[in-house]
């Protein structure tokens, strides 16, 4: 059951406005993440970093990057009307995003030992803000998956899938900057 409630011309017009809105949101959100990144280096410099579990950091980073592959695969699949691959890849992305959240909030946070200084504040603020964005991405993926199962997307009209993919890739790119800033640059704070 594919729904085509609006004409292709009207869809393209709305698509342009929606894309502009999404990119304005992404740019404004990037400033917030950029501010967090700048704060990290301003407060800790390049010689100090939070004392975190390197294995957990590497695993959650790998999981998130793998999820980006499946999100791209899902978007490409629906653009070619391959509904089965689209649904499978969206579901895998959703599962990997959930694993990332569990890894950061459920595993990394409880095992992190901080003294309450700047390093701990930065770590929890940066990972918490990012985890919130991953959570909203997982919710977005749930909606897209449900709508996809109900046949709401086609090769010609799949804006929600495209928007979800752009948002998911943005969240992944943010983590590509956060991961080295939190886990790799500098020596653990003592």
C-alpha atoms as a PDB file:
ATOM      1  CA  UNK A   1       0.000   0.000   0.000  1.00  0.00           C
ATOM      2  CA  UNK A   2       1.864   3.080  -1.228  1.00  0.00           C
ATOM      3  CA  UNK A   3       0.350   6.460  -0.493  1.00  0.00           C
ATOM      4  CA  UNK A   4       0.718   9.279  -3.007  1.00  0.00           C
ATOM      5  CA  UNK A   5      -1.462  11.963  -1.445  1.00  0.00           C
ATOM      6  CA  UNK A   6       0.229  14.848  -3.233  1.00  0.00           C
ATOM      7  CA  UNK A   7       1.284  15.387  -6.818  1.00  0.00           C
ATOM      8  CA  UNK A   8       4.947  14.982  -7.823  1.00  0.00           C
ATOM      9  CA  UNK A   9       5.241  18.726  -8.532  1.00  0.00           C
ATOM     10  CA  UNK A  10       3.854  19.667  -5.125  1.00  0.00           C
ATOM     11  CA  UNK A  11       6.069  17.026  -3.489  1.00  0.00           C
ATOM     12  CA  UNK A  12       9.217  18.488  -5.097  1.00  0.00           C
ATOM     13  CA  UNK A  13       8.260  21.999  -3.945  1.00  0.00           C
ATOM     14  CA  UNK A  14       7.733  20.844  -0.366  1.00  0.00           C
ATOM     15  CA  UNK A  15      10.899  18.772  -0.556  1.00  0.00           C
ATOM     16  CA  UNK A  16      13.009  21.871  -1.277  1.00  0.00           C
ATOM     17  CA  UNK A  17      11.595  23.698   1.740  1.00  0.00           C
ATOM     18  CA  UNK A  18      11.985  20.630   3.954  1.00  0.00           C
ATOM     19  CA  UNK A  19      15.596  20.135   2.912  1.00  0.00           C
ATOM     20  CA  UNK A  20      16.405  23.760   3.670  1.00  0.00           C
ATOM     21  CA  UNK A  21      14.781  23.448   7.090  1.00  0.00           C
ATOM     22  CA  UNK A  22      16.675  20.252   7.883  1.00  0.00           C
ATOM     23  CA  UNK A  23      20.024  21.749   6.901  1.00  0.00           C
ATOM     24  CA  UNK A  24      19.364  24.903   8.930  1.00  0.00           C
ATOM     25  CA  UNK A  25      18.627  22.689  11.922  1.00  0.00           C
ATOM     26  CA  UNK A  26      21.798  20.645  11.327  1.00  0.00           C
ATOM     27  CA  UNK A  27      23.946  23.782  11.075  1.00  0.00           C
ATOM     28  CA  UNK A  28      22.468  25.269  14.263  1.00  0.00           C
ATOM     29  CA  UNK A  29      22.970  21.972  16.085  1.00  0.00           C
ATOM     30  CA  UNK A  30      26.540  21.798  14.799  1.00  0.00           C
ATOM     31  CA  UNK A  31      27.256  25.065  16.601  1.00  0.00           C
ATOM     32  CA  UNK A  32      26.176  23.509  19.894  1.00  0.00           C
ATOM     33  CA  UNK A  33      28.350  20.445  19.362  1.00  0.00           C
ATOM     34  CA  UNK A  34      31.189  22.712  18.212  1.00  0.00           C
ATOM     35  CA  UNK A  35      30.860  24.708  21.422  1.00  0.00           C
ATOM     36  CA  UNK A  36      31.142  21.521  23.454  1.00  0.00           C
ATOM     37  CA  UNK A  37      34.235  20.507  21.492  1.00  0.00           C
ATOM     38  CA  UNK A  38      35.840  23.919  21.996  1.00  0.00           C
ATOM     39  CA  UNK A  39      35.005  23.734  25.719  1.00  0.00           C
ATOM     40  CA  UNK A  40      36.765  20.400  25.966  1.00  0.00           C
ATOM     41  CA  UNK A  41      40.006  21.792  24.567  1.00  0.00           C
ATOM     42  CA  UNK A  42      39.710  25.106  26.419  1.00  0.00           C
ATOM     43  CA  UNK A  43      39.260  23.438  29.811  1.00  0.00           C
ATOM     44  CA  UNK A  44      41.524  20.410  29.405  1.00  0.00           C
ATOM     45  CA  UNK A  45      43.918  21.398  26.617  1.00  0.00           C
ATOM     46  CA  UNK A  46      45.570  18.695  24.570  1.00  0.00           C
ATOM     47  CA  UNK A  47      47.568  17.110  27.373  1.00  0.00           C
ATOM     48  CA  UNK A  48      44.657  15.935  29.530  1.00  0.00           C
ATOM     49  CA  UNK A  49      41.554  13.826  28.850  1.00  0.00           C
ATOM     50  CA  UNK A  50      38.887  12.087  30.887  1.00  0.00           C
ATOM     51  CA  UNK A  51      39.861   8.702  32.311  1.00  0.00           C
ATOM     52  CA  UNK A  52      37.599   6.423  30.278  1.00  0.00           C
ATOM     53  CA  UNK A  53      37.529   2.812  29.142  1.00  0.00           C
ATOM     54  CA  UNK A  54      39.303   2.645  25.788  1.00  0.00           C
ATOM     55  CA  UNK A  55      37.774  -0.688  24.784  1.00  0.00           C
ATOM     56  CA  UNK A  56      34.220   0.516  25.361  1.00  0.00           C
ATOM     57  CA  UNK A  57      34.994   3.703  23.429  1.00  0.00           C
ATOM     58  CA  UNK A  58      36.349   1.764  20.462  1.00  0.00           C
ATOM     59  CA  UNK A  59      33.439  -0.692  20.464  1.00  0.00           C
ATOM     60  CA  UNK A  60      30.714   1.972  20.605  1.00  0.00           C
ATOM     61  CA  UNK A  61      32.481   3.991  17.915  1.00  0.00           C
ATOM     62  CA  UNK A  62      32.695   0.943  15.649  1.00  0.00           C
ATOM     63  CA  UNK A  63      29.019   0.165  16.259  1.00  0.00           C
ATOM     64  CA  UNK A  64      27.982   3.725  15.391  1.00  0.00           C
ATOM     65  CA  UNK A  65      30.086   3.813  12.219  1.00  0.00           C
ATOM     66  CA  UNK A  66      28.654   0.466  11.135  1.00  0.00           C
ATOM     67  CA  UNK A  67      25.158   1.840  11.706  1.00  0.00           C
ATOM     68  CA  UNK A  68      25.934   4.636   9.255  1.00  0.00           C
ATOM     69  CA  UNK A  69      26.710   2.045   6.581  1.00  0.00           C
ATOM     70  CA  UNK A  70      23.327   0.399   7.102  1.00  0.00           C
ATOM     71  CA  UNK A  71      21.517   3.749   7.152  1.00  0.00           C
ATOM     72  CA  UNK A  72      23.079   4.620   3.803  1.00  0.00           C
ATOM     73  CA  UNK A  73      22.121   1.189   2.513  1.00  0.00           C
ATOM     74  CA  UNK A  74      18.516   1.712   3.647  1.00  0.00           C
ATOM     75  CA  UNK A  75      18.253   5.080   1.930  1.00  0.00           C
ATOM     76  CA  UNK A  76      19.741   3.734  -1.294  1.00  0.00           C
ATOM     77  CA  UNK A  77      17.447   0.707  -1.191  1.00  0.00           C
ATOM     78  CA  UNK A  78      14.233   2.727  -0.912  1.00  0.00           C
ATOM     79  CA  UNK A  79      15.452   5.058  -3.677  1.00  0.00           C
ATOM     80  CA  UNK A  80      15.584   1.936  -5.878  1.00  0.00           C
ATOM     81  CA  UNK A  81      12.269   0.545  -4.568  1.00  0.00           C
ATOM     82  CA  UNK A  82      13.999  -2.345  -2.799  1.00  0.00           C
ATOM     83  CA  UNK A  83      11.621  -2.451   0.162  1.00  0.00           C
ATOM     84  CA  UNK A  84      13.043  -5.632   1.717  1.00  0.00           C
ATOM     85  CA  UNK A  85      16.612  -4.286   1.911  1.00  0.00           C
ATOM     86  CA  UNK A  86      15.295  -0.915   3.085  1.00  0.00           C
ATOM     87  CA  UNK A  87      13.397  -2.462   5.996  1.00  0.00           C
ATOM     88  CA  UNK A  88      16.230  -4.825   6.945  1.00  0.00           C
ATOM     89  CA  UNK A  89      18.871  -2.079   6.852  1.00  0.00           C
ATOM     90  CA  UNK A  90      16.680   0.350   8.791  1.00  0.00           C
ATOM     91  CA  UNK A  91      16.104  -2.286  11.460  1.00  0.00           C
ATOM     92  CA  UNK A  92      19.841  -3.034  11.705  1.00  0.00           C
ATOM     93  CA  UNK A  93      20.570   0.714  12.028  1.00  0.00           C
ATOM     94  CA  UNK A  94      17.988   0.946  14.787  1.00  0.00           C
ATOM     95  CA  UNK A  95      19.497  -1.999  16.666  1.00  0.00           C
ATOM     96  CA  UNK A  96      23.053  -0.661  16.307  1.00  0.00           C
ATOM     97  CA  UNK A  97      21.959   2.780  17.528  1.00  0.00           C
ATOM     98  CA  UNK A  98      20.386   1.153  20.575  1.00  0.00           C
ATOM     99  CA  UNK A  99      23.579  -0.822  21.227  1.00  0.00           C
ATOM    100  CA  UNK A 100      25.548   2.438  21.052  1.00  0.00           C
ATOM    101  CA  UNK A 101      23.244   4.006  23.644  1.00  0.00           C
ATOM    102  CA  UNK A 102      23.539   1.004  25.941  1.00  0.00           C
ATOM    103  CA  UNK A 103      27.323   1.060  25.508  1.00  0.00           C
ATOM    104  CA  UNK A 104      27.701   4.722  26.404  1.00  0.00           C
ATOM    105  CA  UNK A 105      24.978   5.264  28.997  1.00  0.00           C
ATOM    106  CA  UNK A 106      24.622   1.745  30.375  1.00  0.00           C
ATOM    107  CA  UNK A 107      28.248   0.587  30.328  1.00  0.00           C
ATOM    108  CA  UNK A 108      30.649   3.543  30.037  1.00  0.00           C
ATOM    109  CA  UNK A 109      28.910   5.893  32.457  1.00  0.00           C
ATOM    110  CA  UNK A 110      28.708   3.435  35.379  1.00  0.00           C
ATOM    111  CA  UNK A 111      32.328   2.257  35.048  1.00  0.00           C
ATOM    112  CA  UNK A 112      33.800   5.746  34.622  1.00  0.00           C
ATOM    113  CA  UNK A 113      35.523   6.989  37.740  1.00  0.00           C
ATOM    114  CA  UNK A 114      35.703  10.743  38.016  1.00  0.00           C
ATOM    115  CA  UNK A 115      36.606  13.138  40.795  1.00  0.00           C
ATOM    116  CA  UNK A 116      33.951  15.663  39.829  1.00  0.00           C
ATOM    117  CA  UNK A 117      36.284  18.067  38.029  1.00  0.00           C
ATOM    118  CA  UNK A 118      36.180  19.592  34.569  1.00  0.00           C
ATOM    119  CA  UNK A 119      37.018  16.294  32.846  1.00  0.00           C
ATOM    120  CA  UNK A 120      33.988  14.531  34.290  1.00  0.00           C
ATOM    121  CA  UNK A 121      31.675  17.455  33.564  1.00  0.00           C
ATOM    122  CA  UNK A 122      32.844  17.581  29.964  1.00  0.00           C
ATOM    123  CA  UNK A 123      32.618  13.840  29.507  1.00  0.00           C
ATOM    124  CA  UNK A 124      29.070  13.539  30.807  1.00  0.00           C
ATOM    125  CA  UNK A 125      27.891  16.674  29.022  1.00  0.00           C
ATOM    126  CA  UNK A 126      29.397  15.712  25.666  1.00  0.00           C
ATOM    127  CA  UNK A 127      28.368  12.066  25.753  1.00  0.00           C
ATOM    128  CA  UNK A 128      24.983  12.877  27.289  1.00  0.00           C
ATOM    129  CA  UNK A 129      24.136  15.470  24.675  1.00  0.00           C
ATOM    130  CA  UNK A 130      25.284  13.131  21.925  1.00  0.00           C
ATOM    131  CA  UNK A 131      23.373  10.196  23.452  1.00  0.00           C
ATOM    132  CA  UNK A 132      20.225  12.335  23.490  1.00  0.00           C
ATOM    133  CA  UNK A 133      20.680  12.935  19.763  1.00  0.00           C
ATOM    134  CA  UNK A 134      21.221   9.224  19.151  1.00  0.00           C
ATOM    135  CA  UNK A 135      18.069   8.504  21.147  1.00  0.00           C
ATOM    136  CA  UNK A 136      16.047  10.937  19.021  1.00  0.00           C
ATOM    137  CA  UNK A 137      17.590   9.303  15.953  1.00  0.00           C
ATOM    138  CA  UNK A 138      16.498   5.869  17.183  1.00  0.00           C
ATOM    139  CA  UNK A 139      12.968   7.193  17.698  1.00  0.00           C
ATOM    140  CA  UNK A 140      13.070   8.689  14.187  1.00  0.00           C
ATOM    141  CA  UNK A 141      14.237   5.312  12.858  1.00  0.00           C
ATOM    142  CA  UNK A 142      11.348   3.570  14.636  1.00  0.00           C
ATOM    143  CA  UNK A 143       8.868   5.897  12.936  1.00  0.00           C
ATOM    144  CA  UNK A 144      10.517   5.443   9.532  1.00  0.00           C
ATOM    145  CA  UNK A 145      10.619   1.666   9.972  1.00  0.00           C
ATOM    146  CA  UNK A 146       6.944   1.512  10.981  1.00  0.00           C
ATOM    147  CA  UNK A 147       5.917   3.738   8.072  1.00  0.00           C
ATOM    148  CA  UNK A 148       8.072   1.672   5.718  1.00  0.00           C
ATOM    149  CA  UNK A 149       6.358  -1.517   6.842  1.00  0.00           C
ATOM    150  CA  UNK A 150       3.037   0.184   6.107  1.00  0.00           C
ATOM    151  CA  UNK A 151       4.187   1.065   2.570  1.00  0.00           C
ATOM    152  CA  UNK A 152       4.425   4.828   2.959  1.00  0.00           C
ATOM    153  CA  UNK A 153       7.623   5.240   0.927  1.00  0.00           C
ATOM    154  CA  UNK A 154       8.431   4.796  -2.733  1.00  0.00           C
ATOM    155  CA  UNK A 155      11.393   5.511  -4.979  1.00  0.00           C
ATOM    156  CA  UNK A 156       9.766   8.814  -5.918  1.00  0.00           C
ATOM    157  CA  UNK A 157       8.610   9.910  -2.450  1.00  0.00           C
ATOM    158  CA  UNK A 158      10.780   9.027   0.510  1.00  0.00           C
ATOM    159  CA  UNK A 159      11.670  12.350   2.125  1.00  0.00           C
ATOM    160  CA  UNK A 160      11.370  11.000   5.672  1.00  0.00           C
ATOM    161  CA  UNK A 161      13.954   8.319   4.925  1.00  0.00           C
ATOM    162  CA  UNK A 162      16.308  10.894   3.424  1.00  0.00           C
ATOM    163  CA  UNK A 163      15.851  13.218   6.419  1.00  0.00           C
ATOM    164  CA  UNK A 164      16.456  10.355   8.826  1.00  0.00           C
ATOM    165  CA  UNK A 165      19.631   9.385   6.967  1.00  0.00           C
ATOM    166  CA  UNK A 166      20.972  12.953   6.968  1.00  0.00           C
ATOM    167  CA  UNK A 167      20.270  13.297  10.687  1.00  0.00           C
ATOM    168  CA  UNK A 168      21.831   9.903  11.463  1.00  0.00           C
ATOM    169  CA  UNK A 169      24.973  10.689   9.459  1.00  0.00           C
ATOM    170  CA  UNK A 170      25.232  14.059  11.207  1.00  0.00           C
ATOM    171  CA  UNK A 171      25.138  12.344  14.606  1.00  0.00           C
ATOM    172  CA  UNK A 172      27.834   9.929  13.398  1.00  0.00           C
ATOM    173  CA  UNK A 173      30.056  12.743  12.151  1.00  0.00           C
ATOM    174  CA  UNK A 174      29.748  14.502  15.504  1.00  0.00           C
ATOM    175  CA  UNK A 175      30.946  11.330  17.234  1.00  0.00           C
ATOM    176  CA  UNK A 176      33.923  11.135  14.859  1.00  0.00           C
ATOM    177  CA  UNK A 177      35.058  14.424  16.430  1.00  0.00           C
ATOM    178  CA  UNK A 178      33.978  13.595  19.993  1.00  0.00           C
ATOM    179  CA  UNK A 179      35.638  10.166  20.104  1.00  0.00           C
ATOM    180  CA  UNK A 180      39.240  11.366  19.689  1.00  0.00           C
ATOM    181  CA  UNK A 181      38.592  14.416  21.885  1.00  0.00           C
ATOM    182  CA  UNK A 182      37.305  12.248  24.732  1.00  0.00           C
ATOM    183  CA  UNK A 183      39.150   8.973  24.302  1.00  0.00           C
ATOM    184  CA  UNK A 184      42.402   9.548  22.412  1.00  0.00           C
ATOM    185  CA  UNK A 185      43.890  13.046  22.803  1.00  0.00           C
ATOM    186  CA  UNK A 186      45.943  13.615  25.921  1.00  0.00           C
ATOM    187  CA  UNK A 187      46.701  11.574  29.000  1.00  0.00           C
ATOM    188  CA  UNK A 188      43.993  10.518  31.469  1.00  0.00           C
ATOM    189  CA  UNK A 189      43.202  13.147  34.098  1.00  0.00           C
ATOM    190  CA  UNK A 190      44.494  12.165  37.532  1.00  0.00           C
END
